[in-house]
Amino acid sequence: MTVFGFAQLCASTVIFILAASAAKAWTVAPGYGKLALTLALYTLGNLIMLRLIRDFGLGVAISLSAVIQLIAVNLVAFAFFGERVDLVQGAGILIAILAVVLVTAGPYIAGRG
């Protein structure tokens, strides 16, 4: 992955985290401004993802984005919105992270990457 590609992945992650936070804010106190902001942020994040898909392929780009967003969104949800998960939900989050890591790294581990 190039430095520019990594920067784009980081930018899309930040934008998607902002979009998820805006969506949460909209659910707490709905308003057209919050809805427009949420839609604009998700659109911008997806436009960056299109570039990443073109540069790195669908599987790698989406898998990397998914695991980074999964971790980041949960950190934001727990730290800033006070959300909590029970043991089973926490295990599910950890298994989801492991699954995406295995899908992404699998070809390299198997020597086909």
C-alpha atoms as a PDB file:
ATOM      1  CA  MET A   1       0.000   0.000   0.000  1.00  0.00           C
ATOM      2  CA  THR A   2       1.320   3.400  -0.920  1.00  0.00           C
ATOM      3  CA  VAL A   3       1.519   6.347   1.454  1.00  0.00           C
ATOM      4  CA  PHE A   4      -1.165   8.096  -0.628  1.00  0.00           C
ATOM      5  CA  GLY A   5      -3.400   5.010  -0.444  1.00  0.00           C
ATOM      6  CA  PHE A   6      -2.932   4.801   3.320  1.00  0.00           C
ATOM      7  CA  ALA A   7      -3.769   8.508   3.615  1.00  0.00           C
ATOM      8  CA  GLN A   8      -6.954   7.972   1.598  1.00  0.00           C
ATOM      9  CA  LEU A   9      -7.915   5.016   3.805  1.00  0.00           C
ATOM     10  CA  CYS A  10      -7.367   7.150   6.914  1.00  0.00           C
ATOM     11  CA  ALA A  11      -9.350  10.034   5.410  1.00  0.00           C
ATOM     12  CA  SER A  12     -12.272   7.789   4.502  1.00  0.00           C
ATOM     13  CA  THR A  13     -12.244   6.299   7.999  1.00  0.00           C
ATOM     14  CA  VAL A  14     -12.343   9.737   9.630  1.00  0.00           C
ATOM     15  CA  ILE A  15     -15.155  10.801   7.307  1.00  0.00           C
ATOM     16  CA  PHE A  16     -17.154   7.621   8.000  1.00  0.00           C
ATOM     17  CA  ILE A  17     -16.664   8.109  11.760  1.00  0.00           C
ATOM     18  CA  LEU A  18     -17.934  11.682  11.443  1.00  0.00           C
ATOM     19  CA  ALA A  19     -20.863  10.392   9.366  1.00  0.00           C
ATOM     20  CA  ALA A  20     -21.723   7.746  11.956  1.00  0.00           C
ATOM     21  CA  SER A  21     -21.518  10.369  14.710  1.00  0.00           C
ATOM     22  CA  ALA A  22     -23.778  12.690  12.713  1.00  0.00           C
ATOM     23  CA  ALA A  23     -26.211   9.808  12.208  1.00  0.00           C
ATOM     24  CA  LYS A  24     -26.227   9.144  15.955  1.00  0.00           C
ATOM     25  CA  ALA A  25     -26.814  12.852  16.630  1.00  0.00           C
ATOM     26  CA  TRP A  26     -29.684  12.805  14.127  1.00  0.00           C
ATOM     27  CA  THR A  27     -31.312   9.833  15.887  1.00  0.00           C
ATOM     28  CA  VAL A  28     -31.165  11.651  19.229  1.00  0.00           C
ATOM     29  CA  ALA A  29     -32.536  14.944  17.872  1.00  0.00           C
ATOM     30  CA  PRO A  30     -33.703  14.676  14.248  1.00  0.00           C
ATOM     31  CA  GLY A  31     -33.362  17.640  11.950  1.00  0.00           C
ATOM     32  CA  TYR A  32     -32.874  18.272   8.252  1.00  0.00           C
ATOM     33  CA  GLY A  33     -29.444  19.848   8.757  1.00  0.00           C
ATOM     34  CA  LYS A  34     -28.132  16.788  10.585  1.00  0.00           C
ATOM     35  CA  LEU A  35     -29.633  14.514   7.960  1.00  0.00           C
ATOM     36  CA  ALA A  36     -28.026  16.515   5.135  1.00  0.00           C
ATOM     37  CA  LEU A  37     -24.667  16.476   6.927  1.00  0.00           C
ATOM     38  CA  THR A  38     -24.907  12.718   7.457  1.00  0.00           C
ATOM     39  CA  LEU A  39     -25.725  12.084   3.794  1.00  0.00           C
ATOM     40  CA  ALA A  40     -22.970  14.423   2.587  1.00  0.00           C
ATOM     41  CA  LEU A  41     -20.351  12.757   4.790  1.00  0.00           C
ATOM     42  CA  TYR A  42     -21.345   9.242   3.723  1.00  0.00           C
ATOM     43  CA  THR A  43     -21.265  10.344   0.079  1.00  0.00           C
ATOM     44  CA  LEU A  44     -17.779  11.834   0.445  1.00  0.00           C
ATOM     45  CA  GLY A  45     -16.530   8.717   2.239  1.00  0.00           C
ATOM     46  CA  ASN A  46     -17.884   6.485  -0.505  1.00  0.00           C
ATOM     47  CA  LEU A  47     -16.308   8.621  -3.226  1.00  0.00           C
ATOM     48  CA  ILE A  48     -12.930   8.116  -1.560  1.00  0.00           C
ATOM     49  CA  MET A  49     -13.672   4.388  -1.294  1.00  0.00           C
ATOM     50  CA  LEU A  50     -14.283   4.243  -5.052  1.00  0.00           C
ATOM     51  CA  ARG A  51     -10.742   5.505  -5.581  1.00  0.00           C
ATOM     52  CA  LEU A  52      -9.375   2.932  -3.125  1.00  0.00           C
ATOM     53  CA  ILE A  53     -11.291   0.137  -4.854  1.00  0.00           C
ATOM     54  CA  ARG A  54      -9.812   1.186  -8.174  1.00  0.00           C
ATOM     55  CA  ASP A  55      -6.280   1.293  -6.745  1.00  0.00           C
ATOM     56  CA  PHE A  56      -6.318  -1.794  -4.492  1.00  0.00           C
ATOM     57  CA  GLY A  57      -9.213  -3.933  -5.630  1.00  0.00           C
ATOM     58  CA  LEU A  58     -12.648  -4.435  -4.172  1.00  0.00           C
ATOM     59  CA  GLY A  59     -11.807  -7.149  -1.659  1.00  0.00           C
ATOM     60  CA  VAL A  60      -8.750  -5.510  -0.132  1.00  0.00           C
ATOM     61  CA  ALA A  61     -10.154  -1.972  -0.024  1.00  0.00           C
ATOM     62  CA  ILE A  62     -13.484  -2.928   1.515  1.00  0.00           C
ATOM     63  CA  SER A  63     -11.943  -5.421   3.942  1.00  0.00           C
ATOM     64  CA  LEU A  64      -9.375  -2.938   5.237  1.00  0.00           C
ATOM     65  CA  SER A  65     -11.986  -0.224   5.495  1.00  0.00           C
ATOM     66  CA  ALA A  66     -14.415  -2.545   7.260  1.00  0.00           C
ATOM     67  CA  VAL A  67     -12.045  -3.639  10.003  1.00  0.00           C
ATOM     68  CA  ILE A  68     -10.699  -0.131  10.608  1.00  0.00           C
ATOM     69  CA  GLN A  69     -14.222   1.312  10.732  1.00  0.00           C
ATOM     70  CA  LEU A  70     -15.461  -1.514  12.961  1.00  0.00           C
ATOM     71  CA  ILE A  71     -12.793  -0.729  15.522  1.00  0.00           C
ATOM     72  CA  ALA A  72     -13.062   3.061  15.198  1.00  0.00           C
ATOM     73  CA  VAL A  73     -16.865   3.231  15.325  1.00  0.00           C
ATOM     74  CA  ASN A  74     -16.973   1.050  18.420  1.00  0.00           C
ATOM     75  CA  LEU A  75     -14.339   3.190  20.132  1.00  0.00           C
ATOM     76  CA  VAL A  76     -16.368   6.325  19.365  1.00  0.00           C
ATOM     77  CA  ALA A  77     -19.623   4.652  20.454  1.00  0.00           C
ATOM     78  CA  PHE A  78     -18.122   3.553  23.773  1.00  0.00           C
ATOM     79  CA  ALA A  79     -16.006   6.641  24.515  1.00  0.00           C
ATOM     80  CA  PHE A  80     -18.242   9.479  23.335  1.00  0.00           C
ATOM     81  CA  PHE A  81     -21.785   8.109  23.334  1.00  0.00           C
ATOM     82  CA  GLY A  82     -21.499   5.910  26.426  1.00  0.00           C
ATOM     83  CA  GLU A  83     -22.762   2.825  24.635  1.00  0.00           C
ATOM     84  CA  ARG A  84     -22.048  -0.585  26.121  1.00  0.00           C
ATOM     85  CA  VAL A  85     -22.204  -4.146  24.850  1.00  0.00           C
ATOM     86  CA  ASP A  86     -22.708  -7.354  26.747  1.00  0.00           C
ATOM     87  CA  LEU A  87     -20.275 -10.275  26.663  1.00  0.00           C
ATOM     88  CA  VAL A  88     -21.896 -11.969  23.656  1.00  0.00           C
ATOM     89  CA  GLN A  89     -21.981  -8.726  21.640  1.00  0.00           C
ATOM     90  CA  GLY A  90     -18.362  -7.992  22.558  1.00  0.00           C
ATOM     91  CA  ALA A  91     -17.352 -11.479  21.448  1.00  0.00           C
ATOM     92  CA  GLY A  92     -19.205 -10.917  18.187  1.00  0.00           C
ATOM     93  CA  ILE A  93     -17.304  -7.686  17.565  1.00  0.00           C
ATOM     94  CA  LEU A  94     -13.984  -9.425  18.232  1.00  0.00           C
ATOM     95  CA  ILE A  95     -14.911 -12.327  15.951  1.00  0.00           C
ATOM     96  CA  ALA A  96     -15.937  -9.873  13.215  1.00  0.00           C
ATOM     97  CA  ILE A  97     -12.560  -8.134  13.483  1.00  0.00           C
ATOM     98  CA  LEU A  98     -10.772 -11.485  13.328  1.00  0.00           C
ATOM     99  CA  ALA A  99     -12.860 -12.524  10.314  1.00  0.00           C
ATOM    100  CA  VAL A 100     -11.984  -9.408   8.341  1.00  0.00           C
ATOM    101  CA  VAL A 101      -8.300  -9.763   9.265  1.00  0.00           C
ATOM    102  CA  LEU A 102      -8.324 -13.376   8.056  1.00  0.00           C
ATOM    103  CA  VAL A 103     -10.109 -12.489   4.808  1.00  0.00           C
ATOM    104  CA  THR A 104      -7.664  -9.662   4.149  1.00  0.00           C
ATOM    105  CA  ALA A 105      -4.480 -11.472   5.179  1.00  0.00           C
ATOM    106  CA  GLY A 106      -5.518 -14.969   4.075  1.00  0.00           C
ATOM    107  CA  PRO A 107      -3.923 -14.878   0.626  1.00  0.00           C
ATOM    108  CA  TYR A 108      -0.673 -13.567   2.062  1.00  0.00           C
ATOM    109  CA  ILE A 109      -0.611 -16.182   4.830  1.00  0.00           C
ATOM    110  CA  ALA A 110      -1.305 -18.931   2.274  1.00  0.00           C
ATOM    111  CA  GLY A 111       1.480 -17.607   0.049  1.00  0.00           C
ATOM    112  CA  ARG A 112      -0.758 -16.436  -2.823  1.00  0.00           C
ATOM    113  CA  GLY A 113      -0.523 -12.696  -2.178  1.00  0.00           C
END
